Amino acid sequence: MPGRSLVDEVMSGTPPVTVSAIGKWRARPDVRERFGTAVKFRREELGLTQEDLALKAGIHRTYLSDVERGTRNLSLVNIERLAAALAGRLPKLFAAVEQG
């Protein structure tokens, strides 16, 4: 807001937007995050724990946790394993990712 000092803006609870902060804003989450969200949503829909799903998919539970948080870049083999373990097909899983 013109005429307001930095102190005024900070004290009002609306800190100024900086150039570095603008670069951190993303219009849409990364595909890994959207995939992880879709996996987690489907897992919870089926009433499975991370351990249950990891066992069904043949992957480690901590790997699945990373997938759900969007910090893993999965191979196609693991994507297929997860889709099968989630009682679905790949197109259905990817449709959920696109909606994400």
Foldseek 3Di string as FASTA:
>chain_A
DPPDDQVRCVVVVHGDDDPVNVVVDDPDDDLLQLLLCLLVVLCVVVVHDLCQLCVQLVHDSVVNVCSNNSNDDDDPSSLQSSQVSSVHGNVVSVVSSVVD
